[in-house]
Amino acid sequence: MRAVVQRVHKAYVEVNGEKVGKIGPGMVVFLGVGREDSVKDSDYLATKISGLRIFEDNAGLMNLSVKENGGQVLCISQFTLYGDCRKGRRPGFSAAAQPEKALSMYDHFCENLKKSGLTVATGQFQENMRIMVDNDGPVTLLLDSKKQF
C-alpha cells in the first residue's frame, strides 16, 4: 500500500457539490492499494500513520502524533498512487488493486485508524471527488508498506 500524508489546518472532500467528509486540524491521507497488498500492509500503514510524529510540540519540534495533537484524519482512496509513468505519456494502472479488493483494504485501513482512537472522515470510493487541502507547513510524506526496511 502507498500513502501520501499531508499535515493540514483543515480539509474537506466534495462529491457532486456536497461535502461528504470534513476535518479541522490533522492530516489528509491519500491511500493507494496495490494488487499484491494484504491485510498486513494495511495494518502496518495504519499503525505507522497514526503514530507519525509530524505535529509540533511546545518547543516547535515535530514530536507529536495526530492523536497526541488532538487532530483528525481525512482518508481518500487514490488508485493513481500506483500509476506507472515509465512508458509513454499515459500512466498505466496495472499494479493497482481491483476495486473490490481496494475497497475492502481501504475500509480495513480506516477502521484501524478509528480503533486507535482517531476521528476519521472519508471520501466516497470510486467517485469523482473535489478535495480542498489547507496544508500546514507544508509537511507531505510518502509511505510505502513494501519499503519497511
N, C-alpha and C. Protein backbone atom coordinates (compact mmCIF):
# COMPACT_ATOMS: atom_id res chain seq x y z
N MET A 1 0.86 -1.18 0.00
CA MET A 1 0.00 0.00 0.00
C MET A 1 0.89 1.22 0.00
N ARG A 2 0.38 2.26 -0.58
CA ARG A 2 1.08 3.53 -0.61
C ARG A 2 0.18 4.61 -0.03
N ALA A 3 0.82 5.55 0.67
CA ALA A 3 0.07 6.65 1.25
C ALA A 3 0.85 7.95 1.10
N VAL A 4 0.15 8.98 0.73
CA VAL A 4 0.69 10.34 0.79
C VAL A 4 -0.02 10.99 1.97
N VAL A 5 0.77 11.45 2.93
CA VAL A 5 0.24 12.02 4.17
C VAL A 5 0.59 13.50 4.19
N GLN A 6 -0.41 14.34 4.43
CA GLN A 6 -0.20 15.79 4.50
C GLN A 6 -0.75 16.33 5.81
N ARG A 7 0.07 17.11 6.48
CA ARG A 7 -0.39 17.81 7.69
C ARG A 7 -1.21 19.00 7.23
N VAL A 8 -2.40 19.18 7.84
CA VAL A 8 -3.31 20.22 7.36
C VAL A 8 -3.90 21.03 8.50
N HIS A 9 -4.29 22.27 8.15
CA HIS A 9 -5.09 23.10 9.06
C HIS A 9 -6.54 22.64 9.01
N LYS A 10 -6.98 22.30 7.79
CA LYS A 10 -8.34 21.80 7.57
C LYS A 10 -8.39 21.18 6.18
N ALA A 11 -9.41 20.38 5.95
CA ALA A 11 -9.59 19.76 4.64
C ALA A 11 -11.03 19.28 4.52
N TYR A 12 -11.48 19.18 3.27
CA TYR A 12 -12.79 18.58 3.04
C TYR A 12 -12.82 17.95 1.65
N VAL A 13 -13.79 17.09 1.47
CA VAL A 13 -13.98 16.43 0.18
C VAL A 13 -15.44 16.59 -0.22
N GLU A 14 -15.65 16.89 -1.50
CA GLU A 14 -17.00 17.04 -2.05
C GLU A 14 -17.23 16.02 -3.15
N VAL A 15 -18.46 15.53 -3.23
CA VAL A 15 -18.91 14.68 -4.32
C VAL A 15 -20.19 15.30 -4.84
N ASN A 16 -20.22 15.63 -6.12
CA ASN A 16 -21.38 16.27 -6.74
C ASN A 16 -21.81 17.53 -6.00
N GLY A 17 -20.83 18.33 -5.55
CA GLY A 17 -21.10 19.59 -4.89
C GLY A 17 -21.49 19.48 -3.43
N GLU A 18 -21.54 18.27 -2.88
CA GLU A 18 -21.93 18.07 -1.48
C GLU A 18 -20.72 17.61 -0.66
N LYS A 19 -20.48 18.26 0.48
CA LYS A 19 -19.39 17.85 1.36
C LYS A 19 -19.74 16.50 1.98
N VAL A 20 -18.84 15.53 1.77
CA VAL A 20 -19.08 14.20 2.32
C VAL A 20 -18.09 13.86 3.44
N GLY A 21 -17.03 14.62 3.56
CA GLY A 21 -16.05 14.43 4.62
C GLY A 21 -15.35 15.73 4.91
N LYS A 22 -15.11 16.02 6.19
CA LYS A 22 -14.53 17.31 6.57
C LYS A 22 -13.78 17.14 7.88
N ILE A 23 -12.60 17.77 7.97
CA ILE A 23 -11.84 17.74 9.21
C ILE A 23 -11.28 19.13 9.51
N GLY A 24 -10.95 19.33 10.76
CA GLY A 24 -10.21 20.50 11.19
C GLY A 24 -8.73 20.16 11.16
N PRO A 25 -7.94 20.66 12.09
CA PRO A 25 -6.51 20.35 12.09
C PRO A 25 -6.26 18.85 12.18
N GLY A 26 -5.27 18.40 11.42
CA GLY A 26 -4.93 16.98 11.43
C GLY A 26 -4.14 16.60 10.20
N MET A 27 -4.55 15.49 9.58
CA MET A 27 -3.83 15.03 8.40
C MET A 27 -4.79 14.47 7.36
N VAL A 28 -4.37 14.63 6.11
CA VAL A 28 -5.05 14.00 4.99
C VAL A 28 -4.19 12.84 4.55
N VAL A 29 -4.83 11.69 4.34
CA VAL A 29 -4.13 10.51 3.85
C VAL A 29 -4.74 10.11 2.52
N PHE A 30 -3.94 10.18 1.46
CA PHE A 30 -4.32 9.65 0.15
C PHE A 30 -3.78 8.23 0.12
N LEU A 31 -4.66 7.23 -0.01
CA LEU A 31 -4.28 5.83 0.14
C LEU A 31 -4.47 5.06 -1.16
N GLY A 32 -3.40 4.42 -1.61
CA GLY A 32 -3.46 3.57 -2.79
C GLY A 32 -3.24 2.12 -2.40
N VAL A 33 -4.03 1.23 -2.99
CA VAL A 33 -3.92 -0.20 -2.70
C VAL A 33 -3.40 -0.90 -3.95
N GLY A 34 -2.35 -1.69 -3.77
CA GLY A 34 -1.76 -2.43 -4.87
C GLY A 34 -2.28 -3.85 -4.96
N ARG A 35 -2.09 -4.47 -6.12
CA ARG A 35 -2.54 -5.84 -6.36
C ARG A 35 -1.98 -6.83 -5.36
N GLU A 36 -0.75 -6.63 -4.94
CA GLU A 36 -0.06 -7.57 -4.06
C GLU A 36 -0.26 -7.27 -2.58
N ASP A 37 -1.02 -6.26 -2.25
CA ASP A 37 -1.17 -5.85 -0.85
C ASP A 37 -2.05 -6.81 -0.07
N SER A 38 -1.77 -6.89 1.23
CA SER A 38 -2.53 -7.76 2.12
C SER A 38 -2.96 -6.96 3.35
N VAL A 39 -3.68 -7.63 4.23
CA VAL A 39 -4.11 -7.00 5.48
C VAL A 39 -2.88 -6.54 6.28
N LYS A 40 -1.79 -7.28 6.18
CA LYS A 40 -0.56 -6.88 6.89
C LYS A 40 -0.09 -5.50 6.44
N ASP A 41 -0.20 -5.22 5.14
CA ASP A 41 0.20 -3.91 4.62
C ASP A 41 -0.70 -2.82 5.20
N SER A 42 -1.99 -3.10 5.25
CA SER A 42 -2.95 -2.14 5.79
C SER A 42 -2.69 -1.88 7.27
N ASP A 43 -2.46 -2.96 8.02
CA ASP A 43 -2.19 -2.83 9.45
C ASP A 43 -0.92 -2.02 9.68
N TYR A 44 0.11 -2.33 8.92
CA TYR A 44 1.39 -1.62 9.06
C TYR A 44 1.21 -0.12 8.83
N LEU A 45 0.56 0.25 7.72
CA LEU A 45 0.42 1.68 7.41
C LEU A 45 -0.48 2.39 8.41
N ALA A 46 -1.54 1.75 8.86
CA ALA A 46 -2.43 2.39 9.85
C ALA A 46 -1.66 2.66 11.14
N THR A 47 -0.87 1.70 11.58
CA THR A 47 -0.08 1.87 12.80
C THR A 47 0.97 2.96 12.60
N LYS A 48 1.64 2.90 11.48
CA LYS A 48 2.70 3.88 11.19
C LYS A 48 2.13 5.30 11.13
N ILE A 49 1.05 5.47 10.40
CA ILE A 49 0.48 6.80 10.20
C ILE A 49 -0.12 7.35 11.49
N SER A 50 -0.80 6.52 12.25
CA SER A 50 -1.40 7.02 13.50
C SER A 50 -0.34 7.45 14.50
N GLY A 51 0.86 6.91 14.38
CA GLY A 51 1.93 7.27 15.31
C GLY A 51 2.96 8.24 14.77
N LEU A 52 2.80 8.66 13.51
CA LEU A 52 3.78 9.59 12.91
C LEU A 52 3.84 10.88 13.71
N ARG A 53 5.03 11.24 14.11
CA ARG A 53 5.22 12.47 14.90
C ARG A 53 5.55 13.62 13.94
N ILE A 54 4.48 14.21 13.39
CA ILE A 54 4.66 15.30 12.41
C ILE A 54 4.02 16.61 12.87
N PHE A 55 3.58 16.64 14.13
CA PHE A 55 2.98 17.85 14.68
C PHE A 55 3.91 18.44 15.73
N GLU A 56 3.93 19.76 15.77
CA GLU A 56 4.88 20.46 16.64
C GLU A 56 4.45 20.42 18.11
N ASP A 57 5.45 20.27 18.97
CA ASP A 57 5.23 20.37 20.41
C ASP A 57 5.43 21.82 20.84
N ASN A 58 5.44 22.09 22.12
CA ASN A 58 5.60 23.46 22.63
C ASN A 58 6.94 24.08 22.28
N ALA A 59 7.93 23.24 22.00
CA ALA A 59 9.26 23.73 21.63
C ALA A 59 9.40 23.94 20.12
N GLY A 60 8.32 23.67 19.37
CA GLY A 60 8.36 23.84 17.93
C GLY A 60 8.98 22.68 17.17
N LEU A 61 9.16 21.54 17.84
CA LEU A 61 9.73 20.35 17.21
C LEU A 61 8.63 19.38 16.82
N MET A 62 8.83 18.66 15.73
CA MET A 62 7.84 17.67 15.31
C MET A 62 7.98 16.44 16.21
N ASN A 63 7.25 16.47 17.31
CA ASN A 63 7.31 15.41 18.31
C ASN A 63 5.96 14.80 18.64
N LEU A 64 4.88 15.28 18.05
CA LEU A 64 3.54 14.82 18.41
C LEU A 64 2.88 14.10 17.24
N SER A 65 2.14 13.04 17.57
CA SER A 65 1.35 12.34 16.56
C SER A 65 0.02 13.07 16.39
N VAL A 66 -0.75 12.68 15.41
CA VAL A 66 -2.06 13.29 15.18
C VAL A 66 -2.97 13.06 16.40
N LYS A 67 -2.86 11.89 17.00
CA LYS A 67 -3.67 11.58 18.18
C LYS A 67 -3.25 12.45 19.36
N GLU A 68 -1.94 12.56 19.60
CA GLU A 68 -1.44 13.37 20.70
C GLU A 68 -1.76 14.84 20.51
N ASN A 69 -1.88 15.26 19.25
CA ASN A 69 -2.16 16.65 18.93
C ASN A 69 -3.67 16.95 18.93
N GLY A 70 -4.49 15.91 19.09
CA GLY A 70 -5.94 16.09 19.07
C GLY A 70 -6.49 16.31 17.67
N GLY A 71 -5.75 15.88 16.66
CA GLY A 71 -6.15 16.09 15.28
C GLY A 71 -7.06 15.01 14.74
N GLN A 72 -7.53 15.24 13.53
CA GLN A 72 -8.43 14.34 12.83
C GLN A 72 -7.77 13.87 11.54
N VAL A 73 -8.36 12.85 10.92
CA VAL A 73 -7.82 12.31 9.68
C VAL A 73 -8.90 12.29 8.61
N LEU A 74 -8.54 12.75 7.42
CA LEU A 74 -9.40 12.61 6.24
C LEU A 74 -8.69 11.63 5.33
N CYS A 75 -9.32 10.48 5.07
CA CYS A 75 -8.71 9.43 4.26
C CYS A 75 -9.43 9.34 2.91
N ILE A 76 -8.63 9.44 1.84
CA ILE A 76 -9.15 9.42 0.48
C ILE A 76 -8.51 8.26 -0.28
N SER A 77 -9.32 7.39 -0.86
CA SER A 77 -8.80 6.32 -1.70
C SER A 77 -8.29 6.92 -3.01
N GLN A 78 -7.07 6.52 -3.42
CA GLN A 78 -6.50 7.10 -4.63
C GLN A 78 -5.64 6.07 -5.37
N PHE A 79 -6.28 5.36 -6.31
CA PHE A 79 -5.59 4.32 -7.07
C PHE A 79 -4.46 4.88 -7.92
N THR A 80 -4.50 6.17 -8.22
CA THR A 80 -3.46 6.74 -9.08
C THR A 80 -2.09 6.75 -8.42
N LEU A 81 -2.00 6.45 -7.13
CA LEU A 81 -0.70 6.32 -6.49
C LEU A 81 0.07 5.12 -7.06
N TYR A 82 -0.63 4.24 -7.76
CA TYR A 82 0.01 3.11 -8.42
C TYR A 82 0.16 3.35 -9.92
N GLY A 83 0.05 4.59 -10.35
CA GLY A 83 0.26 4.92 -11.76
C GLY A 83 1.72 4.74 -12.16
N ASP A 84 1.94 4.06 -13.26
CA ASP A 84 3.28 3.83 -13.78
C ASP A 84 3.46 4.71 -15.01
N CYS A 85 4.39 5.67 -14.91
CA CYS A 85 4.59 6.64 -15.98
C CYS A 85 5.90 6.42 -16.73
N ARG A 86 6.48 5.23 -16.60
CA ARG A 86 7.78 4.99 -17.22
C ARG A 86 7.71 4.89 -18.73
N LYS A 87 6.60 4.42 -19.28
CA LYS A 87 6.48 4.25 -20.73
C LYS A 87 5.44 5.22 -21.27
N GLY A 88 5.76 5.88 -22.34
CA GLY A 88 4.80 6.76 -22.98
C GLY A 88 4.41 7.94 -22.12
N ARG A 89 3.24 8.49 -22.43
CA ARG A 89 2.77 9.67 -21.71
C ARG A 89 1.49 9.43 -20.94
N ARG A 90 0.92 8.25 -21.08
CA ARG A 90 -0.29 7.91 -20.34
C ARG A 90 0.07 6.91 -19.26
N PRO A 91 -0.28 7.20 -18.00
CA PRO A 91 0.06 6.25 -16.93
C PRO A 91 -0.69 4.93 -17.07
N GLY A 92 -0.03 3.87 -16.65
CA GLY A 92 -0.67 2.56 -16.59
C GLY A 92 -0.97 2.25 -15.13
N PHE A 93 -2.07 1.55 -14.91
CA PHE A 93 -2.50 1.28 -13.55
C PHE A 93 -2.62 -0.22 -13.25
N SER A 94 -1.87 -1.03 -13.95
CA SER A 94 -1.97 -2.48 -13.78
C SER A 94 -1.50 -2.94 -12.40
N ALA A 95 -0.71 -2.14 -11.70
CA ALA A 95 -0.25 -2.53 -10.35
C ALA A 95 -1.28 -2.20 -9.27
N ALA A 96 -2.31 -1.43 -9.61
CA ALA A 96 -3.35 -1.08 -8.64
C ALA A 96 -4.29 -2.27 -8.44
N ALA A 97 -4.80 -2.41 -7.23
CA ALA A 97 -5.74 -3.48 -6.92
C ALA A 97 -7.06 -3.26 -7.65
N GLN A 98 -7.75 -4.36 -7.91
CA GLN A 98 -9.10 -4.28 -8.47
C GLN A 98 -10.02 -3.61 -7.45
N PRO A 99 -11.09 -2.96 -7.89
CA PRO A 99 -11.95 -2.18 -6.98
C PRO A 99 -12.46 -2.94 -5.76
N GLU A 100 -12.86 -4.20 -5.91
CA GLU A 100 -13.41 -4.94 -4.77
C GLU A 100 -12.36 -5.08 -3.67
N LYS A 101 -11.16 -5.46 -4.05
CA LYS A 101 -10.08 -5.63 -3.08
C LYS A 101 -9.68 -4.28 -2.50
N ALA A 102 -9.57 -3.27 -3.37
CA ALA A 102 -9.15 -1.94 -2.91
C ALA A 102 -10.14 -1.39 -1.88
N LEU A 103 -11.42 -1.55 -2.12
CA LEU A 103 -12.43 -1.06 -1.17
C LEU A 103 -12.31 -1.78 0.17
N SER A 104 -12.15 -3.08 0.14
CA SER A 104 -12.01 -3.85 1.37
C SER A 104 -10.78 -3.41 2.17
N MET A 105 -9.66 -3.21 1.49
CA MET A 105 -8.42 -2.79 2.15
C MET A 105 -8.53 -1.36 2.67
N TYR A 106 -9.15 -0.49 1.90
CA TYR A 106 -9.36 0.91 2.29
C TYR A 106 -10.23 0.96 3.56
N ASP A 107 -11.32 0.20 3.56
CA ASP A 107 -12.20 0.16 4.73
C ASP A 107 -11.45 -0.38 5.95
N HIS A 108 -10.67 -1.42 5.75
CA HIS A 108 -9.89 -2.02 6.85
C HIS A 108 -8.92 -0.99 7.42
N PHE A 109 -8.24 -0.26 6.54
CA PHE A 109 -7.30 0.78 6.97
C PHE A 109 -8.01 1.84 7.81
N CYS A 110 -9.14 2.35 7.32
CA CYS A 110 -9.88 3.39 8.04
C CYS A 110 -10.38 2.87 9.39
N GLU A 111 -10.84 1.63 9.44
CA GLU A 111 -11.29 1.04 10.70
C GLU A 111 -10.15 0.94 11.69
N ASN A 112 -8.95 0.59 11.22
CA ASN A 112 -7.79 0.53 12.11
C ASN A 112 -7.48 1.90 12.71
N LEU A 113 -7.58 2.93 11.89
CA LEU A 113 -7.35 4.29 12.42
C LEU A 113 -8.38 4.63 13.49
N LYS A 114 -9.63 4.29 13.22
CA LYS A 114 -10.70 4.57 14.19
C LYS A 114 -10.47 3.79 15.49
N LYS A 115 -10.06 2.53 15.37
CA LYS A 115 -9.80 1.70 16.56
C LYS A 115 -8.67 2.26 17.40
N SER A 116 -7.77 3.01 16.77
CA SER A 116 -6.67 3.61 17.52
C SER A 116 -7.11 4.88 18.27
N GLY A 117 -8.38 5.26 18.10
CA GLY A 117 -8.92 6.41 18.82
C GLY A 117 -9.01 7.68 18.00
N LEU A 118 -8.73 7.59 16.71
CA LEU A 118 -8.76 8.78 15.87
C LEU A 118 -10.15 9.02 15.29
N THR A 119 -10.47 10.29 15.06
CA THR A 119 -11.66 10.66 14.33
C THR A 119 -11.28 10.64 12.85
N VAL A 120 -12.02 9.85 12.06
CA VAL A 120 -11.68 9.64 10.65
C VAL A 120 -12.87 10.00 9.78
N ALA A 121 -12.63 10.90 8.84
CA ALA A 121 -13.61 11.22 7.79
C ALA A 121 -13.09 10.61 6.50
N THR A 122 -13.99 10.35 5.57
CA THR A 122 -13.58 9.72 4.31
C THR A 122 -14.23 10.39 3.12
N GLY A 123 -13.68 10.07 1.97
CA GLY A 123 -14.32 10.44 0.71
C GLY A 123 -15.28 9.32 0.34
N GLN A 124 -15.66 9.25 -0.94
CA GLN A 124 -16.52 8.18 -1.41
C GLN A 124 -15.75 7.38 -2.45
N PHE A 125 -15.62 6.11 -2.19
CA PHE A 125 -14.86 5.21 -3.05
C PHE A 125 -15.42 5.21 -4.47
N GLN A 126 -14.53 5.27 -5.46
CA GLN A 126 -14.84 5.24 -6.89
C GLN A 126 -15.71 6.41 -7.36
N GLU A 127 -15.67 7.50 -6.66
CA GLU A 127 -16.38 8.69 -7.09
C GLU A 127 -15.38 9.76 -7.50
N ASN A 128 -15.82 10.65 -8.37
CA ASN A 128 -15.01 11.80 -8.73
C ASN A 128 -15.15 12.80 -7.59
N MET A 129 -14.04 13.07 -6.93
CA MET A 129 -14.09 13.91 -5.73
C MET A 129 -13.32 15.21 -5.95
N ARG A 130 -13.81 16.24 -5.32
CA ARG A 130 -13.10 17.52 -5.26
C ARG A 130 -12.60 17.65 -3.83
N ILE A 131 -11.29 17.83 -3.70
CA ILE A 131 -10.67 17.82 -2.38
C ILE A 131 -9.98 19.15 -2.13
N MET A 132 -10.31 19.77 -1.00
CA MET A 132 -9.66 21.01 -0.59
C MET A 132 -8.76 20.67 0.59
N VAL A 133 -7.48 21.00 0.43
CA VAL A 133 -6.49 20.73 1.46
C VAL A 133 -5.79 22.04 1.79
N ASP A 134 -5.87 22.44 3.05
CA ASP A 134 -5.18 23.63 3.53
C ASP A 134 -3.93 23.14 4.27
N ASN A 135 -2.83 22.99 3.50
CA ASN A 135 -1.59 22.42 4.05
C ASN A 135 -1.04 23.23 5.19
N ASP A 136 -0.41 22.54 6.12
CA ASP A 136 0.25 23.15 7.26
C ASP A 136 1.73 22.81 7.16
N GLY A 137 2.53 23.78 6.88
CA GLY A 137 3.99 23.58 6.81
C GLY A 137 4.59 24.09 5.51
N PRO A 138 4.46 23.42 4.42
CA PRO A 138 3.78 22.14 4.20
C PRO A 138 4.61 20.97 4.70
N VAL A 139 3.90 19.98 5.22
CA VAL A 139 4.50 18.71 5.59
C VAL A 139 3.79 17.65 4.75
N THR A 140 4.52 17.00 3.86
CA THR A 140 3.98 15.97 2.99
C THR A 140 4.95 14.80 2.97
N LEU A 141 4.46 13.61 3.27
CA LEU A 141 5.30 12.42 3.34
C LEU A 141 4.72 11.31 2.47
N LEU A 142 5.61 10.49 1.91
CA LEU A 142 5.21 9.34 1.12
C LEU A 142 5.60 8.08 1.88
N LEU A 143 4.63 7.19 2.12
CA LEU A 143 4.89 5.93 2.79
C LEU A 143 4.50 4.79 1.87
N ASP A 144 5.27 3.71 1.93
CA ASP A 144 5.01 2.53 1.12
C ASP A 144 5.20 1.31 2.00
N SER A 145 4.19 0.49 2.15
CA SER A 145 4.29 -0.66 3.05
C SER A 145 5.32 -1.69 2.58
N LYS A 146 5.70 -1.63 1.33
CA LYS A 146 6.72 -2.56 0.81
C LYS A 146 8.14 -2.04 1.09
N LYS A 147 8.26 -0.86 1.64
CA LYS A 147 9.57 -0.28 1.94
C LYS A 147 9.70 -0.05 3.45
N GLN A 148 9.48 -1.12 4.20
CA GLN A 148 9.54 -1.03 5.66
C GLN A 148 10.95 -1.05 6.20
N PHE A 149 11.86 -1.67 5.46
CA PHE A 149 13.22 -1.82 5.98
C PHE A 149 14.24 -1.27 5.02
